[in-house]
Amino acid sequence: MSKKTLIWIGVAVGSTAGGYVPVLWGADMISFSGLLGSVVGGLLGIWVGFKLGD
């Protein structure tokens, strides 16, 4: 797979997982903590995709 594809997969998986984490402690997915989790998960997914592409 190309590096670009791995990064996009990382963004999709990371932002989805990061947005779902606040649900585990009782918050809504559509909340500030859900949005923050999605951003952090997306950034982490970009980093992981970039590292896997090397």
C-alpha atoms as a PDB file:
ATOM      1  CA  MET A   1       0.000   0.000   0.000  1.00  0.00           C
ATOM      2  CA  SER A   2       1.123   3.515  -0.593  1.00  0.00           C
ATOM      3  CA  LYS A   3       1.965   5.881   2.222  1.00  0.00           C
ATOM      4  CA  LYS A   4      -0.962   8.115   1.276  1.00  0.00           C
ATOM      5  CA  THR A   5      -3.439   5.241   1.580  1.00  0.00           C
ATOM      6  CA  LEU A   6      -2.073   4.201   4.966  1.00  0.00           C
ATOM      7  CA  ILE A   7      -2.369   7.766   6.255  1.00  0.00           C
ATOM      8  CA  TRP A   8      -6.015   8.006   5.122  1.00  0.00           C
ATOM      9  CA  ILE A   9      -6.823   4.678   6.725  1.00  0.00           C
ATOM     10  CA  GLY A  10      -5.155   5.911   9.915  1.00  0.00           C
ATOM     11  CA  VAL A  11      -7.224   9.105   9.857  1.00  0.00           C
ATOM     12  CA  ALA A  12     -10.476   7.188   9.374  1.00  0.00           C
ATOM     13  CA  VAL A  13      -9.811   4.573  12.042  1.00  0.00           C
ATOM     14  CA  GLY A  14      -8.205   6.988  14.504  1.00  0.00           C
ATOM     15  CA  SER A  15     -10.890   9.646  14.326  1.00  0.00           C
ATOM     16  CA  THR A  16     -13.655   7.053  14.619  1.00  0.00           C
ATOM     17  CA  ALA A  17     -12.048   5.378  17.618  1.00  0.00           C
ATOM     18  CA  GLY A  18     -11.168   8.704  19.215  1.00  0.00           C
ATOM     19  CA  GLY A  19     -14.701   9.956  18.833  1.00  0.00           C
ATOM     20  CA  TYR A  20     -16.099   6.806  20.418  1.00  0.00           C
ATOM     21  CA  VAL A  21     -13.836   6.813  23.509  1.00  0.00           C
ATOM     22  CA  PRO A  22     -15.908   9.449  25.399  1.00  0.00           C
ATOM     23  CA  VAL A  23     -18.961   7.181  25.036  1.00  0.00           C
ATOM     24  CA  LEU A  24     -17.189   4.683  27.289  1.00  0.00           C
ATOM     25  CA  TRP A  25     -17.397   7.117  30.211  1.00  0.00           C
ATOM     26  CA  GLY A  26     -20.942   8.237  29.478  1.00  0.00           C
ATOM     27  CA  ALA A  27     -20.495  11.299  27.266  1.00  0.00           C
ATOM     28  CA  ASP A  28     -22.245  11.737  23.932  1.00  0.00           C
ATOM     29  CA  MET A  29     -20.458  11.248  20.645  1.00  0.00           C
ATOM     30  CA  ILE A  30     -21.725  14.690  19.639  1.00  0.00           C
ATOM     31  CA  SER A  31     -20.038  16.657  22.401  1.00  0.00           C
ATOM     32  CA  PHE A  32     -16.882  18.649  22.943  1.00  0.00           C
ATOM     33  CA  SER A  33     -15.084  15.607  24.342  1.00  0.00           C
ATOM     34  CA  GLY A  34     -16.172  13.556  21.311  1.00  0.00           C
ATOM     35  CA  LEU A  35     -14.884  16.235  18.962  1.00  0.00           C
ATOM     36  CA  LEU A  36     -11.621  16.497  20.865  1.00  0.00           C
ATOM     37  CA  GLY A  37     -11.248  12.718  20.852  1.00  0.00           C
ATOM     38  CA  SER A  38     -11.800  12.630  17.096  1.00  0.00           C
ATOM     39  CA  VAL A  39      -9.123  15.257  16.519  1.00  0.00           C
ATOM     40  CA  VAL A  40      -6.603  13.514  18.761  1.00  0.00           C
ATOM     41  CA  GLY A  41      -7.414  10.115  17.244  1.00  0.00           C
ATOM     42  CA  GLY A  42      -7.096  11.505  13.727  1.00  0.00           C
ATOM     43  CA  LEU A  43      -3.706  13.037  14.483  1.00  0.00           C
ATOM     44  CA  LEU A  44      -2.532   9.806  16.064  1.00  0.00           C
ATOM     45  CA  GLY A  45      -3.828   7.919  13.010  1.00  0.00           C
ATOM     46  CA  ILE A  46      -1.853  10.222  10.703  1.00  0.00           C
ATOM     47  CA  TRP A  47       1.294   9.552  12.727  1.00  0.00           C
ATOM     48  CA  VAL A  48       0.768   5.773  12.718  1.00  0.00           C
ATOM     49  CA  GLY A  49       0.001   5.727   8.982  1.00  0.00           C
ATOM     50  CA  PHE A  50       3.102   7.786   8.273  1.00  0.00           C
ATOM     51  CA  LYS A  51       5.297   5.464  10.359  1.00  0.00           C
ATOM     52  CA  LEU A  52       3.830   2.342   8.738  1.00  0.00           C
ATOM     53  CA  GLY A  53       4.476   3.833   5.295  1.00  0.00           C
ATOM     54  CA  ASP A  54       8.195   4.184   5.935  1.00  0.00           C
END
